[in-house]
C-alpha atoms as a PDB file:
ATOM      1  CA  MET A   1      16.849  -9.204  -5.933  1.00  0.00           C
ATOM      2  CA  THR A   2      13.064  -9.045  -5.925  1.00  0.00           C
ATOM      3  CA  ASN A   3      11.422  -7.555  -2.862  1.00  0.00           C
ATOM      4  CA  TYR A   4       8.159  -9.295  -1.883  1.00  0.00           C
ATOM      5  CA  ILE A   5       6.289  -5.963  -1.806  1.00  0.00           C
ATOM      6  CA  ASP A   6       7.509  -5.027  -5.300  1.00  0.00           C
ATOM      7  CA  ALA A   7       6.603  -8.517  -6.524  1.00  0.00           C
ATOM      8  CA  HIS A   8       3.112  -8.263  -5.015  1.00  0.00           C
ATOM      9  CA  ILE A   9       2.445  -4.851  -6.555  1.00  0.00           C
ATOM     10  CA  GLY A  10       3.721  -6.051  -9.935  1.00  0.00           C
ATOM     11  CA  LYS A  11       1.557  -9.166  -9.821  1.00  0.00           C
ATOM     12  CA  THR A  12      -1.466  -7.034  -8.934  1.00  0.00           C
ATOM     13  CA  ILE A  13      -0.767  -4.642 -11.804  1.00  0.00           C
ATOM     14  CA  ARG A  14      -0.454  -7.531 -14.253  1.00  0.00           C
ATOM     15  CA  GLY A  15      -3.709  -9.063 -13.009  1.00  0.00           C
ATOM     16  CA  LEU A  16      -5.616  -5.780 -13.269  1.00  0.00           C
ATOM     17  CA  ARG A  17      -4.150  -5.095 -16.710  1.00  0.00           C
ATOM     18  CA  MET A  18      -5.164  -8.539 -17.929  1.00  0.00           C
ATOM     19  CA  GLU A  19      -8.658  -8.215 -16.423  1.00  0.00           C
ATOM     20  CA  SER A  20      -8.984  -4.976 -18.383  1.00  0.00           C
ATOM     21  CA  ARG A  21      -7.807  -6.838 -21.511  1.00  0.00           C
ATOM     22  CA  LEU A  22      -5.016  -4.332 -22.055  1.00  0.00           C
ATOM     23  CA  HIS A  23      -2.123  -5.550 -24.193  1.00  0.00           C
ATOM     24  CA  PRO A  24       1.263  -4.814 -22.573  1.00  0.00           C
ATOM     25  CA  SER A  25       2.396  -2.577 -25.442  1.00  0.00           C
ATOM     26  CA  ALA A  26      -0.832  -0.546 -25.404  1.00  0.00           C
ATOM     27  CA  PHE A  27      -0.761  -0.119 -21.626  1.00  0.00           C
ATOM     28  CA  ALA A  28       2.933   0.753 -21.572  1.00  0.00           C
ATOM     29  CA  SER A  29       2.347   3.384 -24.236  1.00  0.00           C
ATOM     30  CA  THR A  30      -0.603   4.824 -22.306  1.00  0.00           C
ATOM     31  CA  ILE A  31       1.483   5.339 -19.174  1.00  0.00           C
ATOM     32  CA  GLY A  32       4.528   6.525 -21.114  1.00  0.00           C
ATOM     33  CA  ILE A  33       6.998   3.685 -20.538  1.00  0.00           C
ATOM     34  CA  SER A  34       8.526   0.910 -22.624  1.00  0.00           C
ATOM     35  CA  VAL A  35       7.161  -2.623 -22.662  1.00  0.00           C
ATOM     36  CA  ASP A  36      10.443  -3.761 -21.083  1.00  0.00           C
ATOM     37  CA  ALA A  37       9.946  -1.311 -18.197  1.00  0.00           C
ATOM     38  CA  LEU A  38       6.361  -2.532 -17.718  1.00  0.00           C
ATOM     39  CA  GLU A  39       7.604  -6.131 -17.616  1.00  0.00           C
ATOM     40  CA  ASP A  40      10.236  -5.156 -15.034  1.00  0.00           C
ATOM     41  CA  TYR A  41       7.543  -3.555 -12.852  1.00  0.00           C
ATOM     42  CA  GLU A  42       5.092  -6.444 -13.290  1.00  0.00           C
ATOM     43  CA  ASN A  43       7.795  -8.983 -12.436  1.00  0.00           C
ATOM     44  CA  GLY A  44       8.870  -7.017  -9.367  1.00  0.00           C
ATOM     45  CA  HIS A  45      12.410  -6.587 -10.713  1.00  0.00           C
ATOM     46  CA  VAL A  46      12.233  -2.801 -10.504  1.00  0.00           C
ATOM     47  CA  ARG A  47      10.524  -0.786  -7.788  1.00  0.00           C
ATOM     48  CA  LEU A  48       7.619   1.290  -9.086  1.00  0.00           C
ATOM     49  CA  PRO A  49       8.048   4.979  -8.187  1.00  0.00           C
ATOM     50  CA  ALA A  50       5.100   6.555  -6.334  1.00  0.00           C
ATOM     51  CA  ARG A  51       4.363   8.914  -9.228  1.00  0.00           C
ATOM     52  CA  MET A  52       4.207   5.982 -11.649  1.00  0.00           C
ATOM     53  CA  MET A  53       2.119   3.965  -9.183  1.00  0.00           C
ATOM     54  CA  MET A  54      -0.502   6.716  -9.231  1.00  0.00           C
ATOM     55  CA  GLU A  55      -0.401   6.824 -13.053  1.00  0.00           C
ATOM     56  CA  VAL A  56      -0.759   3.051 -13.318  1.00  0.00           C
ATOM     57  CA  ALA A  57      -3.682   2.914 -10.874  1.00  0.00           C
ATOM     58  CA  GLU A  58      -5.470   5.792 -12.582  1.00  0.00           C
ATOM     59  CA  ASN A  59      -5.140   4.143 -15.993  1.00  0.00           C
ATOM     60  CA  LEU A  60      -6.383   0.830 -14.600  1.00  0.00           C
ATOM     61  CA  GLY A  61      -9.379   2.609 -13.061  1.00  0.00           C
ATOM     62  CA  VAL A  62      -8.533   1.729  -9.458  1.00  0.00           C
ATOM     63  CA  HIS A  63      -7.403   3.554  -6.332  1.00  0.00           C
ATOM     64  CA  SER A  64      -3.660   3.298  -5.771  1.00  0.00           C
ATOM     65  CA  ALA A  65      -4.319   1.461  -2.481  1.00  0.00           C
ATOM     66  CA  THR A  66      -5.747  -1.396  -4.562  1.00  0.00           C
ATOM     67  CA  LEU A  67      -2.211  -2.241  -5.619  1.00  0.00           C
ATOM     68  CA  PHE A  68      -1.506  -3.185  -1.992  1.00  0.00           C
ATOM     69  CA  ASP A  69      -4.654  -5.290  -1.479  1.00  0.00           C
ATOM     70  CA  ASP A  70      -3.995  -8.615   0.235  1.00  0.00           C
ATOM     71  CA  LEU A  71      -0.395  -7.682   0.972  1.00  0.00           C
ATOM     72  CA  GLN A  72       0.718  -9.297   4.202  1.00  0.00           C
ATOM     73  CA  LEU A  73       2.800  -6.742   6.040  1.00  0.00           C
ATOM     74  CA  GLY A  74       4.186  -8.174   9.193  1.00  0.00           C
ATOM     75  CA  ILE A  75       6.969  -7.509  11.594  1.00  0.00           C
ATOM     76  CA  PRO A  76       9.527 -10.319  11.691  1.00  0.00           C
ATOM     77  CA  GLU A  77       9.329 -12.219  14.975  1.00  0.00           C
ATOM     78  CA  ASP A  78      12.849 -11.240  15.952  1.00  0.00           C
ATOM     79  CA  ARG A  79      11.794  -7.559  15.799  1.00  0.00           C
ATOM     80  CA  VAL A  80       8.642  -7.888  17.938  1.00  0.00           C
ATOM     81  CA  ARG A  81       8.945  -6.470  21.429  1.00  0.00           C
ATOM     82  CA  PRO A  82       7.710  -8.786  24.149  1.00  0.00           C
ATOM     83  CA  ASP A  83       4.556  -7.776  26.001  1.00  0.00           C
ATOM     84  CA  SER A  84       5.148  -6.289  29.416  1.00  0.00           C
ATOM     85  CA  GLU A  85       3.652  -9.360  31.099  1.00  0.00           C
ATOM     86  CA  ASP A  86       6.120 -11.583  29.248  1.00  0.00           C
ATOM     87  CA  GLU A  87       9.150  -9.555  30.356  1.00  0.00           C
ATOM     88  CA  ALA A  88      11.230 -10.809  33.234  1.00  0.00           C
ATOM     89  CA  PRO A  89      10.843  -8.737  36.431  1.00  0.00           C
END
């Protein structure tokens, strides 16, 4: 099952790789993984380990935080605590 965070990071990696005109096989070789592993990361099927995230970002010429750009992190409504003024006395 694909996690939306993993999917977002993978999509960002693919976009940055394509902007840099890096072929999947060349990029995978540069970061020391197989093309299949790169595809799994880019498709969000496999969670990217932190160490690999740093390696990927460095080889794409971006800060690792860039991989999280535009990610909407929110707390599900059923987990939000009501404000004190909304609580019953």
